[in-house]
Amino acid sequence: MARRTGRRPGNPDTREAILGAARAAFAERGFDSASIRSIATAAGVDPALVHHYFGSKDQLFLAAMQAPVDPRELLPKVLAGDRDGLGERLVRMFLGVWDSPAGTAGVALLRSAVSNEWTARLLREFLVTQVLRRVLDQLDADPAELPLRGSLVASQLVGLAMMRHVVRLEPVASAAPETLVAVVGPTVQRYLTGDLPA
C-alpha cells in the first residue's frame, strides 16, 4: 500500500500530535530555537496546519504548556504606570492568577516541575519567554544584568507560589493577597530596578 504524502487530514489526533511535538521541541530546544516548521515535521503535518490550529508560536506554546492564562493579556496592566510600582503590580497579578481557579493548573505544573526535568524545562521556558522577558524588556537596565534580575524575580515568585500553594506554609498560605503584595513587592522591585553588586 502506497503511503500518502502531503498533510494529514484534520482529525482529533492531529491537534494532539502537534501538541506532543511542540512539548518535546520546547523542552529540548527552548522556545526561541523551536520552529513551527520543525514542530510540524515532527508531528507529520504541514506548517500551515499548525497555524490553523494554534495561530502563532506563542499560542502554540501556551497550549502546549496548558497555561490557564495568557500573560500577553495580563502584563499590559502590570507594565502600565510608574516604574517604582512595577514589583507590587507584578506580585499582585501573579497572586491574582495563582489564587484564582486558573491557578490550579499552575500548581499541578509546579508540583510536576519539582520531580520532572522535562516539565521543569517547559516551566522555565514559560517564565522566561512569556513573562520575564516581556517585563525586563521594559526596564532601562544594563542588558548584561537582565538574566540575573529575571532569575531573582522568578525565584521570588515561584518560591511564593510553592510556599502558598504546594507546601502551604502558614501564615503565607492564608495571608491576604495585599499583605503579600506589600511584603514581597518591594523585594521584587529591588530585583528589577535596584543596584546589583558589582
N, C-alpha and C. Protein backbone atom coordinates (compact mmCIF):
# COMPACT_ATOMS: atom_id res chain seq x y z
N MET A 1 0.84 -1.17 0.00
CA MET A 1 0.00 0.00 0.00
C MET A 1 0.89 1.24 0.00
N ALA A 2 0.65 2.14 -0.91
CA ALA A 2 1.46 3.35 -1.02
C ALA A 2 1.11 4.31 0.11
N ARG A 3 2.15 4.93 0.68
CA ARG A 3 1.94 5.90 1.74
C ARG A 3 1.52 7.23 1.13
N ARG A 4 0.52 7.82 1.71
CA ARG A 4 0.01 9.10 1.23
C ARG A 4 0.95 10.23 1.62
N THR A 5 1.20 11.14 0.72
CA THR A 5 2.04 12.29 1.02
C THR A 5 1.16 13.51 1.25
N GLY A 6 1.77 14.59 1.66
CA GLY A 6 1.01 15.81 1.93
C GLY A 6 0.60 15.85 3.39
N ARG A 7 -0.20 16.84 3.71
CA ARG A 7 -0.56 16.99 5.11
C ARG A 7 -1.64 16.01 5.53
N ARG A 8 -1.59 15.67 6.78
CA ARG A 8 -2.54 14.76 7.37
C ARG A 8 -3.93 15.41 7.39
N PRO A 9 -4.98 14.66 7.09
CA PRO A 9 -6.31 15.25 7.16
C PRO A 9 -6.64 15.66 8.59
N GLY A 10 -7.48 16.68 8.72
CA GLY A 10 -7.85 17.16 10.05
C GLY A 10 -8.65 16.11 10.80
N ASN A 11 -8.12 15.65 11.89
CA ASN A 11 -8.83 14.74 12.76
C ASN A 11 -8.42 15.03 14.20
N PRO A 12 -9.12 14.48 15.16
CA PRO A 12 -8.81 14.81 16.55
C PRO A 12 -7.37 14.50 16.96
N ASP A 13 -6.77 13.51 16.33
CA ASP A 13 -5.41 13.14 16.69
C ASP A 13 -4.38 14.15 16.18
N THR A 14 -4.73 14.92 15.17
CA THR A 14 -3.79 15.87 14.59
C THR A 14 -3.39 16.93 15.61
N ARG A 15 -4.37 17.50 16.28
CA ARG A 15 -4.09 18.53 17.28
C ARG A 15 -3.18 17.97 18.38
N GLU A 16 -3.47 16.78 18.84
CA GLU A 16 -2.65 16.17 19.89
C GLU A 16 -1.24 15.84 19.40
N ALA A 17 -1.13 15.42 18.14
CA ALA A 17 0.19 15.15 17.58
C ALA A 17 1.03 16.43 17.53
N ILE A 18 0.40 17.53 17.15
CA ILE A 18 1.10 18.82 17.12
C ILE A 18 1.51 19.23 18.53
N LEU A 19 0.60 19.09 19.49
CA LEU A 19 0.92 19.46 20.87
C LEU A 19 2.05 18.60 21.43
N GLY A 20 2.03 17.31 21.14
CA GLY A 20 3.11 16.42 21.61
C GLY A 20 4.45 16.81 21.02
N ALA A 21 4.46 17.08 19.73
CA ALA A 21 5.70 17.51 19.07
C ALA A 21 6.16 18.85 19.62
N ALA A 22 5.23 19.75 19.88
CA ALA A 22 5.58 21.07 20.42
C ALA A 22 6.16 20.95 21.82
N ARG A 23 5.55 20.14 22.67
CA ARG A 23 6.08 19.97 24.03
C ARG A 23 7.51 19.43 23.99
N ALA A 24 7.73 18.45 23.14
CA ALA A 24 9.08 17.88 23.02
C ALA A 24 10.07 18.92 22.50
N ALA A 25 9.68 19.68 21.48
CA ALA A 25 10.58 20.68 20.89
C ALA A 25 10.88 21.80 21.88
N PHE A 26 9.87 22.30 22.58
CA PHE A 26 10.09 23.39 23.54
C PHE A 26 10.94 22.91 24.71
N ALA A 27 10.74 21.68 25.15
CA ALA A 27 11.53 21.16 26.27
C ALA A 27 12.98 20.90 25.85
N GLU A 28 13.18 20.40 24.63
CA GLU A 28 14.53 20.06 24.18
C GLU A 28 15.32 21.28 23.71
N ARG A 29 14.66 22.16 22.95
CA ARG A 29 15.40 23.26 22.31
C ARG A 29 15.05 24.63 22.86
N GLY A 30 13.98 24.74 23.65
CA GLY A 30 13.55 26.03 24.16
C GLY A 30 12.66 26.74 23.17
N PHE A 31 11.98 27.76 23.65
CA PHE A 31 11.01 28.50 22.84
C PHE A 31 11.67 29.15 21.63
N ASP A 32 12.79 29.82 21.86
CA ASP A 32 13.42 30.58 20.78
C ASP A 32 13.96 29.70 19.66
N SER A 33 14.46 28.51 20.00
CA SER A 33 15.08 27.64 18.99
C SER A 33 14.10 26.69 18.31
N ALA A 34 12.97 26.47 18.93
CA ALA A 34 11.97 25.59 18.31
C ALA A 34 11.21 26.38 17.25
N SER A 35 11.06 25.80 16.07
CA SER A 35 10.34 26.49 14.99
C SER A 35 9.03 25.78 14.67
N ILE A 36 8.10 26.53 14.14
CA ILE A 36 6.83 25.94 13.70
C ILE A 36 7.11 24.85 12.67
N ARG A 37 8.04 25.10 11.77
CA ARG A 37 8.36 24.13 10.72
C ARG A 37 8.87 22.81 11.34
N SER A 38 9.79 22.89 12.30
CA SER A 38 10.34 21.66 12.90
C SER A 38 9.27 20.92 13.71
N ILE A 39 8.40 21.67 14.37
CA ILE A 39 7.31 21.05 15.12
C ILE A 39 6.34 20.36 14.17
N ALA A 40 6.01 21.02 13.06
CA ALA A 40 5.12 20.41 12.06
C ALA A 40 5.74 19.14 11.49
N THR A 41 7.04 19.18 11.19
CA THR A 41 7.72 18.00 10.65
C THR A 41 7.64 16.84 11.64
N ALA A 42 7.92 17.12 12.91
CA ALA A 42 7.87 16.07 13.94
C ALA A 42 6.46 15.51 14.10
N ALA A 43 5.45 16.36 13.89
CA ALA A 43 4.06 15.91 14.02
C ALA A 43 3.54 15.27 12.74
N GLY A 44 4.31 15.39 11.64
CA GLY A 44 3.89 14.82 10.37
C GLY A 44 2.80 15.62 9.69
N VAL A 45 2.82 16.95 9.89
CA VAL A 45 1.81 17.81 9.27
C VAL A 45 2.48 18.98 8.56
N ASP A 46 1.71 19.68 7.77
CA ASP A 46 2.18 20.88 7.10
C ASP A 46 2.21 22.03 8.12
N PRO A 47 3.21 22.92 8.06
CA PRO A 47 3.25 24.06 8.99
C PRO A 47 1.97 24.90 8.97
N ALA A 48 1.31 24.98 7.84
CA ALA A 48 0.06 25.75 7.76
C ALA A 48 -1.01 25.17 8.69
N LEU A 49 -0.96 23.85 8.88
CA LEU A 49 -1.93 23.24 9.77
C LEU A 49 -1.67 23.62 11.23
N VAL A 50 -0.40 23.78 11.59
CA VAL A 50 -0.06 24.25 12.94
C VAL A 50 -0.65 25.65 13.14
N HIS A 51 -0.47 26.51 12.15
CA HIS A 51 -1.03 27.86 12.23
C HIS A 51 -2.56 27.82 12.27
N HIS A 52 -3.14 26.90 11.53
CA HIS A 52 -4.60 26.76 11.52
C HIS A 52 -5.13 26.43 12.92
N TYR A 53 -4.49 25.48 13.59
CA TYR A 53 -4.95 25.05 14.91
C TYR A 53 -4.60 26.05 16.00
N PHE A 54 -3.43 26.69 15.93
CA PHE A 54 -2.93 27.47 17.06
C PHE A 54 -2.66 28.94 16.78
N GLY A 55 -2.62 29.35 15.54
CA GLY A 55 -2.42 30.75 15.22
C GLY A 55 -0.96 31.15 15.18
N SER A 56 -0.33 31.27 16.33
CA SER A 56 1.06 31.73 16.40
C SER A 56 1.88 30.78 17.26
N LYS A 57 3.17 30.98 17.22
CA LYS A 57 4.07 30.17 18.04
C LYS A 57 3.79 30.42 19.53
N ASP A 58 3.51 31.67 19.91
CA ASP A 58 3.17 31.98 21.30
C ASP A 58 1.92 31.21 21.74
N GLN A 59 0.91 31.19 20.89
CA GLN A 59 -0.33 30.49 21.23
C GLN A 59 -0.11 28.98 21.29
N LEU A 60 0.74 28.45 20.41
CA LEU A 60 1.08 27.03 20.45
C LEU A 60 1.79 26.71 21.76
N PHE A 61 2.72 27.57 22.15
CA PHE A 61 3.45 27.35 23.40
C PHE A 61 2.50 27.33 24.59
N LEU A 62 1.58 28.31 24.65
CA LEU A 62 0.62 28.35 25.76
C LEU A 62 -0.25 27.11 25.79
N ALA A 63 -0.66 26.63 24.61
CA ALA A 63 -1.47 25.40 24.55
C ALA A 63 -0.65 24.19 24.98
N ALA A 64 0.61 24.13 24.55
CA ALA A 64 1.47 23.01 24.93
C ALA A 64 1.71 23.00 26.44
N MET A 65 1.81 24.18 27.02
CA MET A 65 2.01 24.31 28.47
C MET A 65 0.71 24.08 29.24
N GLN A 66 -0.40 24.11 28.52
CA GLN A 66 -1.72 24.08 29.14
C GLN A 66 -1.85 25.24 30.12
N ALA A 67 -1.32 26.40 29.71
CA ALA A 67 -1.36 27.60 30.54
C ALA A 67 -2.80 28.06 30.70
N PRO A 68 -3.22 28.30 31.94
CA PRO A 68 -4.60 28.71 32.17
C PRO A 68 -4.88 30.16 31.79
N VAL A 69 -3.82 30.95 31.64
CA VAL A 69 -3.97 32.35 31.25
C VAL A 69 -2.89 32.71 30.24
N ASP A 70 -3.15 33.77 29.51
CA ASP A 70 -2.18 34.27 28.55
C ASP A 70 -1.52 35.52 29.13
N PRO A 71 -0.23 35.45 29.46
CA PRO A 71 0.44 36.62 30.05
C PRO A 71 0.35 37.87 29.18
N ARG A 72 0.21 37.71 27.87
CA ARG A 72 0.09 38.87 27.00
C ARG A 72 -1.16 39.69 27.31
N GLU A 73 -2.16 39.05 27.89
CA GLU A 73 -3.39 39.76 28.25
C GLU A 73 -3.28 40.44 29.61
N LEU A 74 -2.42 39.93 30.49
CA LEU A 74 -2.30 40.44 31.85
C LEU A 74 -1.17 41.46 32.03
N LEU A 75 -0.09 41.28 31.30
CA LEU A 75 1.09 42.11 31.52
C LEU A 75 0.93 43.58 31.16
N PRO A 76 0.11 43.97 30.18
CA PRO A 76 -0.03 45.41 29.93
C PRO A 76 -0.46 46.20 31.16
N LYS A 77 -1.31 45.62 31.99
CA LYS A 77 -1.74 46.29 33.22
C LYS A 77 -0.57 46.40 34.20
N VAL A 78 0.25 45.38 34.27
CA VAL A 78 1.43 45.39 35.14
C VAL A 78 2.42 46.45 34.68
N LEU A 79 2.60 46.54 33.37
CA LEU A 79 3.60 47.44 32.81
C LEU A 79 3.13 48.89 32.74
N ALA A 80 1.83 49.12 32.86
CA ALA A 80 1.30 50.48 32.87
C ALA A 80 1.60 51.11 34.22
N GLY A 81 1.93 52.36 34.22
CA GLY A 81 2.19 53.04 35.49
C GLY A 81 3.67 53.28 35.69
N ASP A 82 3.97 53.86 36.83
CA ASP A 82 5.36 54.24 37.08
C ASP A 82 6.23 53.02 37.37
N ARG A 83 7.48 53.19 37.10
CA ARG A 83 8.45 52.11 37.26
C ARG A 83 8.59 51.67 38.72
N ASP A 84 8.40 52.61 39.65
CA ASP A 84 8.58 52.31 41.07
C ASP A 84 7.53 51.35 41.63
N GLY A 85 6.40 51.19 40.97
CA GLY A 85 5.37 50.28 41.44
C GLY A 85 5.32 48.96 40.70
N LEU A 86 6.30 48.73 39.83
CA LEU A 86 6.31 47.53 38.99
C LEU A 86 6.34 46.24 39.81
N GLY A 87 7.16 46.20 40.85
CA GLY A 87 7.25 45.00 41.68
C GLY A 87 5.93 44.64 42.32
N GLU A 88 5.26 45.63 42.89
CA GLU A 88 3.97 45.37 43.53
C GLU A 88 2.92 44.95 42.51
N ARG A 89 2.90 45.60 41.36
CA ARG A 89 1.90 45.23 40.34
C ARG A 89 2.16 43.82 39.82
N LEU A 90 3.42 43.44 39.67
CA LEU A 90 3.75 42.09 39.20
C LEU A 90 3.33 41.05 40.23
N VAL A 91 3.59 41.28 41.50
CA VAL A 91 3.18 40.33 42.55
C VAL A 91 1.66 40.26 42.63
N ARG A 92 0.99 41.40 42.51
CA ARG A 92 -0.48 41.42 42.56
C ARG A 92 -1.07 40.60 41.41
N MET A 93 -0.54 40.77 40.21
CA MET A 93 -1.02 40.00 39.05
C MET A 93 -0.74 38.51 39.27
N PHE A 94 0.46 38.19 39.73
CA PHE A 94 0.86 36.80 39.97
C PHE A 94 -0.08 36.14 40.96
N LEU A 95 -0.34 36.80 42.09
CA LEU A 95 -1.25 36.23 43.09
C LEU A 95 -2.68 36.16 42.56
N GLY A 96 -3.08 37.13 41.76
CA GLY A 96 -4.42 37.11 41.18
C GLY A 96 -4.65 35.87 40.34
N VAL A 97 -3.63 35.44 39.62
CA VAL A 97 -3.74 34.23 38.80
C VAL A 97 -3.66 32.99 39.68
N TRP A 98 -2.64 32.91 40.53
CA TRP A 98 -2.42 31.70 41.33
C TRP A 98 -3.52 31.47 42.37
N ASP A 99 -4.13 32.54 42.87
CA ASP A 99 -5.19 32.39 43.86
C ASP A 99 -6.57 32.17 43.23
N SER A 100 -6.65 32.21 41.91
CA SER A 100 -7.93 32.03 41.22
C SER A 100 -8.09 30.56 40.83
N PRO A 101 -9.27 30.17 40.34
CA PRO A 101 -9.44 28.79 39.86
C PRO A 101 -8.43 28.41 38.77
N ALA A 102 -7.98 29.38 37.98
CA ALA A 102 -7.00 29.10 36.94
C ALA A 102 -5.66 28.66 37.53
N GLY A 103 -5.41 29.03 38.78
CA GLY A 103 -4.14 28.71 39.42
C GLY A 103 -3.94 27.23 39.69
N THR A 104 -5.01 26.44 39.69
CA THR A 104 -4.85 25.01 39.96
C THR A 104 -3.97 24.33 38.91
N ALA A 105 -4.06 24.79 37.66
CA ALA A 105 -3.20 24.23 36.61
C ALA A 105 -1.74 24.60 36.89
N GLY A 106 -1.52 25.81 37.38
CA GLY A 106 -0.17 26.23 37.73
C GLY A 106 0.40 25.41 38.87
N VAL A 107 -0.42 25.11 39.86
CA VAL A 107 0.02 24.30 40.98
C VAL A 107 0.41 22.90 40.50
N ALA A 108 -0.39 22.32 39.62
CA ALA A 108 -0.07 21.00 39.07
C ALA A 108 1.25 21.05 38.30
N LEU A 109 1.46 22.09 37.53
CA LEU A 109 2.70 22.25 36.77
C LEU A 109 3.88 22.41 37.71
N LEU A 110 3.72 23.21 38.75
CA LEU A 110 4.80 23.42 39.71
C LEU A 110 5.16 22.13 40.43
N ARG A 111 4.17 21.38 40.86
CA ARG A 111 4.43 20.08 41.51
C ARG A 111 5.19 19.14 40.57
N SER A 112 4.77 19.12 39.33
CA SER A 112 5.41 18.24 38.36
C SER A 112 6.84 18.69 38.05
N ALA A 113 7.06 20.00 37.99
CA ALA A 113 8.38 20.53 37.66
C ALA A 113 9.43 20.18 38.71
N VAL A 114 8.99 19.99 39.94
CA VAL A 114 9.92 19.65 41.02
C VAL A 114 10.54 18.27 40.81
N SER A 115 9.79 17.35 40.23
CA SER A 115 10.29 15.98 40.09
C SER A 115 10.54 15.53 38.65
N ASN A 116 10.26 16.41 37.69
CA ASN A 116 10.38 16.00 36.30
C ASN A 116 11.13 17.06 35.52
N GLU A 117 12.31 16.72 35.02
CA GLU A 117 13.16 17.69 34.32
C GLU A 117 12.49 18.24 33.06
N TRP A 118 11.77 17.41 32.36
CA TRP A 118 11.09 17.85 31.13
C TRP A 118 10.08 18.94 31.46
N THR A 119 9.29 18.74 32.50
CA THR A 119 8.31 19.75 32.91
C THR A 119 9.02 20.99 33.44
N ALA A 120 10.12 20.80 34.15
CA ALA A 120 10.90 21.94 34.65
C ALA A 120 11.40 22.80 33.49
N ARG A 121 11.83 22.17 32.41
CA ARG A 121 12.27 22.93 31.23
C ARG A 121 11.13 23.74 30.63
N LEU A 122 9.95 23.12 30.53
CA LEU A 122 8.80 23.84 29.99
C LEU A 122 8.42 25.02 30.89
N LEU A 123 8.43 24.81 32.20
CA LEU A 123 8.11 25.89 33.12
C LEU A 123 9.14 27.01 33.00
N ARG A 124 10.40 26.65 32.92
CA ARG A 124 11.48 27.63 32.77
C ARG A 124 11.28 28.45 31.48
N GLU A 125 11.00 27.76 30.38
CA GLU A 125 10.77 28.46 29.11
C GLU A 125 9.56 29.38 29.19
N PHE A 126 8.50 28.92 29.85
CA PHE A 126 7.31 29.74 30.00
C PHE A 126 7.63 31.01 30.78
N LEU A 127 8.30 30.86 31.92
CA LEU A 127 8.63 32.03 32.74
C LEU A 127 9.52 33.01 31.98
N VAL A 128 10.54 32.48 31.31
CA VAL A 128 11.49 33.36 30.64
C VAL A 128 10.87 34.04 29.43
N THR A 129 10.24 33.26 28.54
CA THR A 129 9.79 33.83 27.27
C THR A 129 8.44 34.53 27.33
N GLN A 130 7.56 34.08 28.21
CA GLN A 130 6.21 34.63 28.22
C GLN A 130 6.00 35.68 29.30
N VAL A 131 6.80 35.66 30.35
CA VAL A 131 6.60 36.61 31.44
C VAL A 131 7.82 37.52 31.63
N LEU A 132 8.93 36.93 32.06
CA LEU A 132 10.08 37.75 32.46
C LEU A 132 10.64 38.60 31.33
N ARG A 133 10.81 38.03 30.17
CA ARG A 133 11.36 38.79 29.05
C ARG A 133 10.49 40.00 28.73
N ARG A 134 9.17 39.83 28.79
CA ARG A 134 8.26 40.93 28.50
C ARG A 134 8.36 42.04 29.54
N VAL A 135 8.60 41.67 30.79
CA VAL A 135 8.76 42.67 31.84
C VAL A 135 10.13 43.32 31.74
N LEU A 136 11.17 42.51 31.60
CA LEU A 136 12.54 43.03 31.58
C LEU A 136 12.80 43.92 30.38
N ASP A 137 12.12 43.66 29.26
CA ASP A 137 12.29 44.50 28.07
C ASP A 137 11.85 45.94 28.31
N GLN A 138 11.05 46.15 29.35
CA GLN A 138 10.54 47.49 29.65
C GLN A 138 11.48 48.29 30.57
N LEU A 139 12.51 47.62 31.09
CA LEU A 139 13.41 48.27 32.03
C LEU A 139 14.53 48.99 31.31
N ASP A 140 14.98 50.05 31.92
CA ASP A 140 16.15 50.77 31.42
C ASP A 140 17.33 50.27 32.25
N ALA A 141 17.75 49.04 31.99
CA ALA A 141 18.81 48.41 32.77
C ALA A 141 19.90 47.91 31.84
N ASP A 142 21.05 47.69 32.40
CA ASP A 142 22.18 47.13 31.67
C ASP A 142 21.76 45.75 31.15
N PRO A 143 21.81 45.52 29.83
CA PRO A 143 21.41 44.22 29.28
C PRO A 143 22.17 43.04 29.90
N ALA A 144 23.39 43.27 30.35
CA ALA A 144 24.16 42.19 30.96
C ALA A 144 23.57 41.78 32.31
N GLU A 145 22.79 42.67 32.94
CA GLU A 145 22.19 42.37 34.24
C GLU A 145 20.83 41.67 34.13
N LEU A 146 20.22 41.72 32.96
CA LEU A 146 18.84 41.23 32.82
C LEU A 146 18.67 39.75 33.18
N PRO A 147 19.58 38.85 32.78
CA PRO A 147 19.38 37.45 33.17
C PRO A 147 19.37 37.25 34.70
N LEU A 148 20.27 37.93 35.41
CA LEU A 148 20.28 37.81 36.87
C LEU A 148 19.01 38.41 37.46
N ARG A 149 18.64 39.58 37.00
CA ARG A 149 17.41 40.22 37.51
C ARG A 149 16.19 39.30 37.29
N GLY A 150 16.08 38.75 36.09
CA GLY A 150 14.96 37.86 35.79
C GLY A 150 14.96 36.61 36.65
N SER A 151 16.13 36.02 36.86
CA SER A 151 16.22 34.82 37.69
C SER A 151 15.85 35.11 39.14
N LEU A 152 16.25 36.27 39.64
CA LEU A 152 15.90 36.64 41.02
C LEU A 152 14.40 36.84 41.16
N VAL A 153 13.79 37.52 40.20
CA VAL A 153 12.33 37.72 40.23
C VAL A 153 11.63 36.37 40.18
N ALA A 154 12.07 35.49 39.29
CA ALA A 154 11.45 34.16 39.18
C ALA A 154 11.60 33.38 40.48
N SER A 155 12.77 33.46 41.11
CA SER A 155 12.96 32.72 42.37
C SER A 155 12.00 33.21 43.43
N GLN A 156 11.75 34.51 43.47
CA GLN A 156 10.83 35.06 44.46
C GLN A 156 9.39 34.64 44.18
N LEU A 157 8.97 34.75 42.92
CA LEU A 157 7.58 34.43 42.59
C LEU A 157 7.29 32.93 42.68
N VAL A 158 8.18 32.12 42.14
CA VAL A 158 7.97 30.67 42.21
C VAL A 158 8.06 30.19 43.65
N GLY A 159 8.98 30.78 44.42
CA GLY A 159 9.07 30.44 45.85
C GLY A 159 7.79 30.79 46.58
N LEU A 160 7.22 31.93 46.25
CA LEU A 160 5.95 32.34 46.87
C LEU A 160 4.84 31.36 46.50
N ALA A 161 4.76 30.99 45.23
CA ALA A 161 3.73 30.02 44.81
C ALA A 161 3.95 28.68 45.50
N MET A 162 5.19 28.25 45.61
CA MET A 162 5.49 26.97 46.25
C MET A 162 5.06 26.98 47.73
N MET A 163 5.40 28.03 48.44
CA MET A 163 5.05 28.10 49.87
C MET A 163 3.55 28.29 50.09
N ARG A 164 2.92 29.06 49.23
CA ARG A 164 1.49 29.36 49.41
C ARG A 164 0.59 28.22 48.97
N HIS A 165 0.94 27.55 47.84
CA HIS A 165 0.00 26.60 47.25
C HIS A 165 0.44 25.13 47.28
N VAL A 166 1.71 24.86 47.43
CA VAL A 166 2.16 23.47 47.45
C VAL A 166 2.51 23.06 48.89
N VAL A 167 3.46 23.76 49.50
CA VAL A 167 3.86 23.44 50.88
C VAL A 167 2.80 23.92 51.86
N ARG A 168 2.09 25.00 51.49
CA ARG A 168 1.05 25.61 52.31
C ARG A 168 1.58 26.02 53.68
N LEU A 169 2.69 26.73 53.65
CA LEU A 169 3.33 27.22 54.87
C LEU A 169 2.57 28.42 55.42
N GLU A 170 2.12 28.30 56.66
CA GLU A 170 1.41 29.40 57.31
C GLU A 170 2.43 30.34 57.95
N PRO A 171 2.14 31.61 57.96
CA PRO A 171 0.91 32.27 57.56
C PRO A 171 0.85 32.69 56.09
N VAL A 172 1.88 32.36 55.32
CA VAL A 172 1.88 32.74 53.90
C VAL A 172 0.69 32.12 53.17
N ALA A 173 0.36 30.87 53.47
CA ALA A 173 -0.71 30.16 52.74
C ALA A 173 -2.06 30.86 52.86
N SER A 174 -2.34 31.45 54.00
CA SER A 174 -3.66 32.06 54.19
C SER A 174 -3.61 33.59 54.26
N ALA A 175 -2.46 34.17 54.03
CA ALA A 175 -2.34 35.63 54.09
C ALA A 175 -3.18 36.30 53.02
N ALA A 176 -3.68 37.46 53.33
CA ALA A 176 -4.41 38.25 52.34
C ALA A 176 -3.46 38.62 51.21
N PRO A 177 -3.92 38.56 49.97
CA PRO A 177 -3.04 38.90 48.85
C PRO A 177 -2.36 40.26 49.00
N GLU A 178 -3.08 41.27 49.46
CA GLU A 178 -2.48 42.60 49.59
C GLU A 178 -1.39 42.64 50.65
N THR A 179 -1.48 41.78 51.65
CA THR A 179 -0.39 41.69 52.64
C THR A 179 0.87 41.18 51.96
N LEU A 180 0.72 40.15 51.14
CA LEU A 180 1.88 39.61 50.44
C LEU A 180 2.42 40.59 49.41
N VAL A 181 1.53 41.32 48.74
CA VAL A 181 1.97 42.34 47.79
C VAL A 181 2.84 43.37 48.51
N ALA A 182 2.39 43.79 49.69
CA ALA A 182 3.12 44.81 50.45
C ALA A 182 4.47 44.30 50.94
N VAL A 183 4.57 43.01 51.23
CA VAL A 183 5.80 42.45 51.77
C VAL A 183 6.76 41.99 50.66
N VAL A 184 6.23 41.32 49.65
CA VAL A 184 7.06 40.73 48.60
C VAL A 184 7.34 41.73 47.47
N GLY A 185 6.38 42.62 47.20
CA GLY A 185 6.53 43.59 46.11
C GLY A 185 7.82 44.39 46.16
N PRO A 186 8.21 44.95 47.33
CA PRO A 186 9.46 45.71 47.38
C PRO A 186 10.71 44.87 47.07
N THR A 187 10.68 43.60 47.44
CA THR A 187 11.81 42.73 47.12
C THR A 187 11.90 42.51 45.61
N VAL A 188 10.76 42.24 44.99
CA VAL A 188 10.74 42.08 43.53
C VAL A 188 11.16 43.38 42.86
N GLN A 189 10.71 44.50 43.40
CA GLN A 189 11.10 45.80 42.85
C GLN A 189 12.62 45.98 42.90
N ARG A 190 13.23 45.62 44.03
CA ARG A 190 14.69 45.73 44.16
C ARG A 190 15.39 44.86 43.13
N TYR A 191 14.87 43.66 42.91
CA TYR A 191 15.46 42.78 41.90
C TYR A 191 15.34 43.39 40.50
N LEU A 192 14.23 44.08 40.24
CA LEU A 192 14.01 44.66 38.92
C LEU A 192 14.82 45.93 38.68
N THR A 193 14.85 46.81 39.67
CA THR A 193 15.42 48.14 39.41
C THR A 193 16.52 48.56 40.36
N GLY A 194 16.72 47.82 41.44
CA GLY A 194 17.72 48.22 42.42
C GLY A 194 19.15 47.96 41.93
N ASP A 195 20.10 48.49 42.68
CA ASP A 195 21.50 48.26 42.37
C ASP A 195 21.86 46.81 42.66
N LEU A 196 22.64 46.22 41.77
CA LEU A 196 23.14 44.87 41.97
C LEU A 196 24.61 44.96 42.35
N PRO A 197 25.10 43.99 43.15
CA PRO A 197 26.51 44.02 43.50
C PRO A 197 27.37 43.89 42.23
N ALA A 198 28.50 44.54 42.27
CA ALA A 198 29.41 44.51 41.09
C ALA A 198 30.04 43.15 40.92
